[in-house]
N, C-alpha and C. Protein backbone atom coordinates (compact mmCIF):
# COMPACT_ATOMS: atom_id res chain seq x y z
N MET A 1 7.92 2.06 23.80
CA MET A 1 7.41 2.31 24.99
C MET A 1 5.91 1.71 25.15
N ARG A 2 5.61 1.18 26.16
CA ARG A 2 4.16 0.72 26.26
C ARG A 2 3.31 1.52 27.13
N LEU A 3 2.04 1.49 26.65
CA LEU A 3 0.86 2.07 27.56
C LEU A 3 -0.24 1.29 27.49
N GLY A 4 -0.59 0.78 28.72
CA GLY A 4 -1.69 -0.37 28.93
C GLY A 4 -1.55 -1.50 28.09
N GLY A 5 -0.34 -1.97 28.10
CA GLY A 5 -0.37 -3.24 27.24
C GLY A 5 -0.05 -3.13 25.75
N GLN A 6 -0.43 -2.09 25.10
CA GLN A 6 0.02 -1.83 23.69
C GLN A 6 1.30 -0.90 23.47
N TYR A 7 1.78 -1.48 22.35
CA TYR A 7 3.14 -0.54 22.07
C TYR A 7 2.35 0.77 21.47
N LEU A 8 3.45 1.80 21.58
CA LEU A 8 3.29 3.39 21.06
C LEU A 8 3.82 3.41 19.83
N LEU A 9 3.39 2.56 18.89
CA LEU A 9 4.19 2.49 17.43
C LEU A 9 4.06 3.73 16.45
N MET A 10 2.63 4.31 16.78
CA MET A 10 2.25 5.41 16.05
C MET A 10 2.99 6.47 16.28
N ALA A 11 3.42 6.70 17.50
CA ALA A 11 4.53 7.73 17.66
C ALA A 11 5.79 7.63 17.07
N LYS A 12 6.23 6.42 16.79
CA LYS A 12 7.28 6.39 16.03
C LYS A 12 7.17 6.20 14.45
N LEU A 13 6.15 5.93 14.08
CA LEU A 13 5.69 5.79 12.73
C LEU A 13 4.78 6.75 12.33
N GLY A 14 4.86 7.50 11.22
CA GLY A 14 4.00 8.32 10.67
C GLY A 14 2.81 7.62 10.10
N ARG A 15 1.76 8.20 10.03
CA ARG A 15 0.49 7.72 9.60
C ARG A 15 0.70 6.93 8.26
N GLY A 16 1.47 7.37 7.36
CA GLY A 16 1.96 7.25 6.20
C GLY A 16 2.53 5.50 6.21
N GLU A 17 3.46 5.53 7.30
CA GLU A 17 4.26 4.37 7.39
C GLU A 17 3.24 3.07 7.86
N LEU A 18 2.24 3.45 8.56
CA LEU A 18 1.42 2.44 9.39
C LEU A 18 0.57 2.07 8.22
N GLU A 19 -0.13 3.35 7.66
CA GLU A 19 -0.81 2.62 6.27
C GLU A 19 -0.06 1.70 5.38
N ALA A 20 1.27 2.02 5.19
CA ALA A 20 1.88 1.14 4.19
C ALA A 20 2.06 -0.35 4.87
N ARG A 21 2.17 -0.34 6.23
CA ARG A 21 2.33 -1.81 6.83
C ARG A 21 0.79 -2.42 6.77
N VAL A 22 -0.42 -1.64 6.83
CA VAL A 22 -1.50 -2.48 6.91
C VAL A 22 -1.79 -2.70 5.55
N MET A 23 -1.37 -1.97 4.54
CA MET A 23 -1.49 -2.43 3.04
C MET A 23 -0.81 -3.56 2.77
N ASP A 24 0.18 -3.71 3.37
CA ASP A 24 1.31 -4.98 3.12
C ASP A 24 0.57 -6.08 3.46
N ILE A 25 -0.09 -5.89 4.83
CA ILE A 25 -0.71 -7.09 5.40
C ILE A 25 -2.11 -7.46 4.46
N LEU A 26 -2.53 -6.62 3.91
CA LEU A 26 -3.62 -6.85 3.18
C LEU A 26 -3.56 -7.57 1.88
N TRP A 27 -2.47 -6.75 1.26
CA TRP A 27 -1.97 -7.58 -0.11
C TRP A 27 -1.36 -8.97 0.28
N ALA A 28 -0.73 -9.29 1.24
CA ALA A 28 -0.18 -10.43 1.31
C ALA A 28 -1.56 -11.59 1.75
N SER A 29 -2.56 -11.19 1.98
CA SER A 29 -3.72 -12.04 2.56
C SER A 29 -4.40 -12.38 0.96
N ASP A 30 -5.00 -13.55 0.78
CA ASP A 30 -5.53 -13.85 -0.31
C ASP A 30 -7.21 -13.79 0.16
N VAL A 31 -7.58 -13.32 1.46
CA VAL A 31 -8.91 -13.05 1.88
C VAL A 31 -9.25 -11.80 2.50
N ALA A 32 -10.29 -11.47 2.31
CA ALA A 32 -10.63 -9.77 3.06
C ALA A 32 -10.34 -10.15 4.75
N MET A 33 -10.09 -9.10 5.26
CA MET A 33 -9.54 -9.03 6.80
C MET A 33 -10.29 -8.16 7.38
N THR A 34 -10.80 -8.52 8.61
CA THR A 34 -11.46 -7.52 9.67
C THR A 34 -10.14 -6.80 10.17
N PRO A 35 -10.53 -5.81 11.13
CA PRO A 35 -9.68 -4.83 11.86
C PRO A 35 -9.09 -5.98 12.57
N ARG A 36 -9.73 -6.89 13.30
CA ARG A 36 -9.29 -7.60 14.56
C ARG A 36 -8.15 -8.55 13.90
N ASP A 37 -8.47 -9.07 12.63
CA ASP A 37 -7.57 -9.89 11.85
C ASP A 37 -6.19 -9.05 11.66
N VAL A 38 -6.26 -7.88 11.03
CA VAL A 38 -5.38 -6.83 10.78
C VAL A 38 -4.33 -6.54 12.20
N HIS A 39 -5.17 -6.57 13.27
CA HIS A 39 -4.63 -6.08 14.42
C HIS A 39 -3.72 -7.29 15.05
N ASP A 40 -4.21 -8.48 14.76
CA ASP A 40 -3.52 -9.64 15.37
C ASP A 40 -2.25 -9.76 14.41
N VAL A 41 -2.31 -9.56 13.33
CA VAL A 41 -1.01 -9.69 12.61
C VAL A 41 0.02 -8.86 13.04
N LEU A 42 -0.27 -7.47 13.17
CA LEU A 42 0.52 -6.46 13.58
C LEU A 42 1.16 -6.90 15.07
N ARG A 43 0.10 -7.42 15.75
CA ARG A 43 0.75 -8.02 17.18
C ARG A 43 1.70 -8.93 17.21
N ARG A 44 1.41 -10.04 16.23
CA ARG A 44 2.17 -11.12 16.03
C ARG A 44 3.81 -10.61 15.45
N ARG A 45 3.58 -9.64 14.58
CA ARG A 45 5.00 -9.08 14.29
C ARG A 45 5.67 -7.92 15.15
N ARG A 46 5.10 -8.10 16.32
CA ARG A 46 5.78 -7.43 17.43
C ARG A 46 5.52 -5.79 16.97
N GLN A 47 4.66 -5.15 16.40
CA GLN A 47 4.32 -3.87 15.71
C GLN A 47 2.97 -3.56 16.15
N GLY A 48 2.69 -3.99 17.37
CA GLY A 48 1.18 -3.77 17.99
C GLY A 48 0.87 -2.26 18.08
N VAL A 49 -0.48 -1.99 17.69
CA VAL A 49 -0.87 -0.62 17.84
C VAL A 49 -2.40 -0.78 18.68
N ALA A 50 -2.72 0.10 18.95
CA ALA A 50 -4.29 -0.05 19.50
C ALA A 50 -5.24 -0.63 18.50
N TYR A 51 -6.26 -1.45 18.84
CA TYR A 51 -7.25 -1.71 18.09
C TYR A 51 -8.08 -0.65 17.24
N THR A 52 -8.38 0.25 18.15
CA THR A 52 -9.04 1.53 17.56
C THR A 52 -8.19 2.39 16.53
N THR A 53 -6.69 2.17 16.43
CA THR A 53 -5.77 2.66 15.56
C THR A 53 -6.14 2.08 14.26
N VAL A 54 -5.99 0.86 14.25
CA VAL A 54 -6.09 -0.27 13.11
C VAL A 54 -7.45 0.10 12.36
N MET A 55 -8.53 0.31 13.22
CA MET A 55 -9.72 0.51 12.65
C MET A 55 -9.76 1.89 11.80
N THR A 56 -9.07 2.95 12.47
CA THR A 56 -9.07 4.33 11.88
C THR A 56 -8.27 4.17 10.48
N ILE A 57 -7.13 3.38 10.52
CA ILE A 57 -6.28 3.30 9.31
C ILE A 57 -7.12 2.69 8.47
N LEU A 58 -8.06 1.66 8.58
CA LEU A 58 -8.41 0.84 7.51
C LEU A 58 -9.65 1.90 7.08
N VAL A 59 -10.21 2.80 7.94
CA VAL A 59 -11.26 3.35 7.30
C VAL A 59 -10.83 4.57 6.50
N ARG A 60 -9.71 5.10 6.73
CA ARG A 60 -8.84 6.01 6.13
C ARG A 60 -8.59 5.72 4.52
N LEU A 61 -8.02 4.31 4.78
CA LEU A 61 -7.74 3.93 3.54
C LEU A 61 -8.97 3.50 2.58
N TRP A 62 -10.08 3.07 3.31
CA TRP A 62 -11.26 2.76 2.44
C TRP A 62 -11.57 4.13 1.97
N GLN A 63 -11.71 5.20 2.55
CA GLN A 63 -12.10 6.50 2.03
C GLN A 63 -11.26 7.18 1.04
N LYS A 64 -9.97 6.70 1.07
CA LYS A 64 -8.70 7.16 0.15
C LYS A 64 -9.15 6.18 -1.15
N GLY A 65 -10.15 5.36 -1.18
CA GLY A 65 -10.34 4.66 -2.35
C GLY A 65 -9.47 3.31 -2.56
N MET A 66 -8.66 3.15 -1.66
CA MET A 66 -7.50 1.71 -1.59
C MET A 66 -8.00 0.58 -1.30
N LEU A 67 -9.14 0.37 -0.49
CA LEU A 67 -9.84 -0.41 0.08
C LEU A 67 -11.28 -0.61 -0.37
N HIS A 68 -11.78 -1.78 -0.42
CA HIS A 68 -13.06 -2.27 -0.49
C HIS A 68 -13.53 -2.77 0.80
N ARG A 69 -14.65 -2.42 1.25
CA ARG A 69 -15.16 -3.16 2.32
C ARG A 69 -16.53 -3.56 2.37
N GLU A 70 -16.80 -4.77 3.07
CA GLU A 70 -18.27 -5.32 3.20
C GLU A 70 -18.52 -5.62 4.64
N GLU A 71 -19.59 -5.67 4.94
CA GLU A 71 -20.17 -5.76 6.26
C GLU A 71 -19.97 -7.68 6.50
N SER A 72 -19.56 -7.88 7.74
CA SER A 72 -19.56 -9.26 8.07
C SER A 72 -19.69 -9.45 9.41
N GLY A 73 -20.94 -9.62 9.81
CA GLY A 73 -21.46 -9.72 11.17
C GLY A 73 -21.59 -8.14 11.69
N ARG A 74 -20.81 -7.75 12.64
CA ARG A 74 -20.74 -6.39 13.44
C ARG A 74 -19.46 -5.58 12.85
N ALA A 75 -18.86 -6.25 11.92
CA ALA A 75 -17.39 -5.73 11.63
C ALA A 75 -17.67 -5.59 10.19
N PHE A 76 -16.48 -5.12 9.53
CA PHE A 76 -16.30 -4.59 8.28
C PHE A 76 -15.16 -5.73 8.00
N GLU A 77 -15.06 -6.44 6.54
CA GLU A 77 -13.87 -6.94 6.10
C GLU A 77 -13.48 -5.89 4.91
N TYR A 78 -12.11 -5.98 4.84
CA TYR A 78 -11.26 -5.03 4.31
C TYR A 78 -10.57 -5.69 3.11
N ALA A 79 -10.63 -5.17 2.01
CA ALA A 79 -9.67 -5.86 0.79
C ALA A 79 -9.29 -5.13 0.00
N PRO A 80 -7.92 -5.07 -0.71
CA PRO A 80 -7.41 -3.97 -1.66
C PRO A 80 -8.20 -3.88 -2.79
N VAL A 81 -8.33 -2.69 -3.20
CA VAL A 81 -9.05 -2.54 -4.48
C VAL A 81 -8.17 -2.94 -5.96
N ALA A 82 -7.00 -2.74 -5.59
CA ALA A 82 -5.82 -3.13 -6.53
C ALA A 82 -4.66 -3.93 -5.89
N SER A 83 -4.08 -4.64 -6.93
CA SER A 83 -2.72 -5.19 -6.37
C SER A 83 -1.67 -4.40 -6.02
N ARG A 84 -0.77 -4.77 -5.46
CA ARG A 84 0.44 -3.66 -5.11
C ARG A 84 1.02 -3.49 -6.54
N VAL A 85 1.17 -4.52 -7.33
CA VAL A 85 1.72 -4.01 -8.75
C VAL A 85 0.73 -3.07 -9.36
N GLU A 86 -0.46 -3.19 -9.62
CA GLU A 86 -1.25 -2.12 -10.23
C GLU A 86 -1.29 -0.70 -9.49
N TRP A 87 -1.05 -0.68 -8.15
CA TRP A 87 -1.32 0.46 -7.13
C TRP A 87 0.10 1.13 -7.55
N THR A 88 1.21 0.42 -7.64
CA THR A 88 2.59 1.09 -7.73
C THR A 88 2.68 1.59 -9.16
N ALA A 89 2.16 1.05 -10.27
CA ALA A 89 2.10 1.61 -11.53
C ALA A 89 0.99 2.81 -11.45
N GLN A 90 -0.10 2.81 -10.85
CA GLN A 90 -0.70 4.02 -11.03
C GLN A 90 -0.17 5.14 -10.10
N ARG A 91 0.76 4.94 -9.08
CA ARG A 91 1.46 5.98 -8.51
C ARG A 91 2.47 6.34 -9.10
N MET A 92 3.13 5.71 -10.16
CA MET A 92 4.11 6.12 -11.37
C MET A 92 3.44 7.07 -11.92
N ARG A 93 2.18 6.70 -12.50
CA ARG A 93 1.82 7.41 -13.45
C ARG A 93 1.16 8.91 -12.87
N GLU A 94 0.82 9.21 -11.51
CA GLU A 94 0.39 10.25 -10.77
C GLU A 94 1.76 11.03 -10.59
N VAL A 95 2.83 10.66 -10.41
CA VAL A 95 4.05 11.25 -10.31
C VAL A 95 4.33 11.79 -11.55
N LEU A 96 4.25 11.09 -12.52
CA LEU A 96 4.75 11.52 -14.00
C LEU A 96 3.88 12.76 -14.33
N ARG A 97 2.45 12.56 -14.10
CA ARG A 97 1.70 13.70 -14.28
C ARG A 97 2.08 15.05 -13.65
N GLY A 98 2.54 14.97 -12.58
CA GLY A 98 2.95 16.16 -11.71
C GLY A 98 4.29 16.57 -11.92
N ALA A 99 4.90 15.83 -12.98
CA ALA A 99 6.35 16.34 -13.15
C ALA A 99 6.84 17.52 -13.86
N GLY A 100 5.64 18.16 -14.47
CA GLY A 100 5.87 19.13 -15.26
C GLY A 100 6.25 18.83 -16.60
N ASP A 101 7.83 18.66 -16.89
CA ASP A 101 8.32 18.37 -18.25
C ASP A 101 8.05 16.71 -17.88
N ARG A 102 7.30 16.21 -18.63
CA ARG A 102 7.25 14.61 -18.64
C ARG A 102 8.48 14.11 -19.29
N ASP A 103 8.96 14.56 -20.51
CA ASP A 103 10.02 14.21 -21.44
C ASP A 103 11.17 14.34 -20.28
N ALA A 104 11.45 15.53 -19.86
CA ALA A 104 12.68 15.14 -19.16
C ALA A 104 12.45 14.32 -17.91
N ALA A 105 11.56 13.98 -16.97
CA ALA A 105 11.17 13.22 -16.03
C ALA A 105 11.65 11.77 -16.64
N LEU A 106 11.00 11.45 -17.90
CA LEU A 106 10.94 10.26 -18.26
C LEU A 106 12.66 9.95 -18.76
N THR A 107 13.19 10.82 -19.23
CA THR A 107 14.57 10.78 -19.63
C THR A 107 15.52 10.39 -18.34
N HIS A 108 15.41 11.13 -17.31
CA HIS A 108 16.00 11.16 -16.03
C HIS A 108 15.69 9.59 -15.31
N PHE A 109 14.43 9.25 -15.53
CA PHE A 109 14.16 7.89 -14.84
C PHE A 109 14.88 6.72 -15.53
N ALA A 110 14.73 7.03 -17.13
CA ALA A 110 15.71 5.97 -17.95
C ALA A 110 17.07 5.90 -17.70
N ARG A 111 17.54 7.14 -17.46
CA ARG A 111 19.01 7.13 -16.84
C ARG A 111 19.37 6.51 -15.66
N SER A 112 18.32 6.49 -14.76
CA SER A 112 18.77 6.10 -13.46
C SER A 112 18.47 4.64 -13.35
N ILE A 113 17.79 3.83 -14.03
CA ILE A 113 17.45 2.49 -13.79
C ILE A 113 18.75 1.67 -14.28
N ASP A 114 19.01 0.41 -13.70
CA ASP A 114 19.86 -0.35 -14.10
C ASP A 114 19.66 -1.08 -15.42
N THR A 115 20.60 -1.84 -15.97
CA THR A 115 20.72 -2.55 -17.15
C THR A 115 19.51 -3.66 -17.26
N ARG A 116 19.31 -4.11 -16.30
CA ARG A 116 18.17 -5.42 -16.11
C ARG A 116 16.83 -4.62 -15.83
N GLU A 117 16.68 -3.70 -15.17
CA GLU A 117 15.40 -2.88 -15.24
C GLU A 117 15.17 -2.30 -16.60
N ALA A 118 16.28 -1.60 -17.23
CA ALA A 118 15.94 -1.29 -18.79
C ALA A 118 15.59 -2.34 -19.56
N ALA A 119 16.11 -3.27 -19.71
CA ALA A 119 15.74 -4.81 -20.32
C ALA A 119 14.21 -4.80 -19.98
N GLN A 120 13.72 -4.84 -18.79
CA GLN A 120 12.43 -5.25 -18.56
C GLN A 120 11.51 -4.43 -19.30
N LEU A 121 11.73 -2.96 -19.23
CA LEU A 121 11.06 -2.02 -19.50
C LEU A 121 10.71 -2.06 -21.06
N ARG A 122 12.17 -2.36 -21.84
CA ARG A 122 12.28 -2.45 -23.22
C ARG A 122 10.82 -3.84 -23.65
N ARG A 123 11.13 -4.54 -22.83
CA ARG A 123 10.27 -6.01 -23.26
C ARG A 123 8.85 -5.49 -22.93
N ALA A 124 8.51 -4.89 -21.85
CA ALA A 124 7.24 -4.30 -21.76
C ALA A 124 6.52 -3.38 -22.93
N LEU A 125 7.41 -2.35 -23.29
CA LEU A 125 7.08 -1.68 -24.32
C LEU A 125 6.97 -2.02 -25.76
N ASP A 126 7.81 -3.18 -25.93
CA ASP A 126 7.61 -4.27 -27.04
C ASP A 126 6.20 -4.71 -27.13
N ARG A 127 6.09 -5.54 -26.10
CA ARG A 127 4.75 -5.99 -26.01
C ARG A 127 3.54 -5.23 -26.18
N ARG A 128 3.67 -3.98 -25.56
CA ARG A 128 2.61 -2.93 -25.77
C ARG A 128 2.38 -2.49 -27.28
N ARG A 129 3.71 -2.52 -27.90
CA ARG A 129 3.56 -1.93 -29.37
C ARG A 129 3.33 -3.24 -30.39
N ARG A 130 3.37 -4.34 -29.91
CA ARG A 130 2.52 -5.58 -30.75
C ARG A 130 1.27 -5.57 -30.71
N ARG A 131 0.40 -5.33 -29.57
CA ARG A 131 -0.99 -5.25 -29.29
C ARG A 131 -1.72 -4.49 -30.30
């Protein structure tokens, strides 16, 4: 549905999904981006939302500590505080902390991954042990 030339994506996507799309854009960029830059990328992908919605999402992500921002003229430029990989590892640690029985959670996780993922995990643990 369109309203005043803008797609009503927010109604279809939850705030978390829109935040994820904005983070994807920022992680894919090798430079900090203004709200206008992010808005333009969303529009090119036919995922247009209002410019003010993009600004709101960026501010919320900054308030959550996921983004760094610097003034750039009359706007701010935003960049991720951590890479996608670092952020994912942090989220995994947070989930594990909240699991209650960490041993059981790790055991279930280990049983759920495929052979290739298990080999990657073994290599990572071996490298850690060697340090």
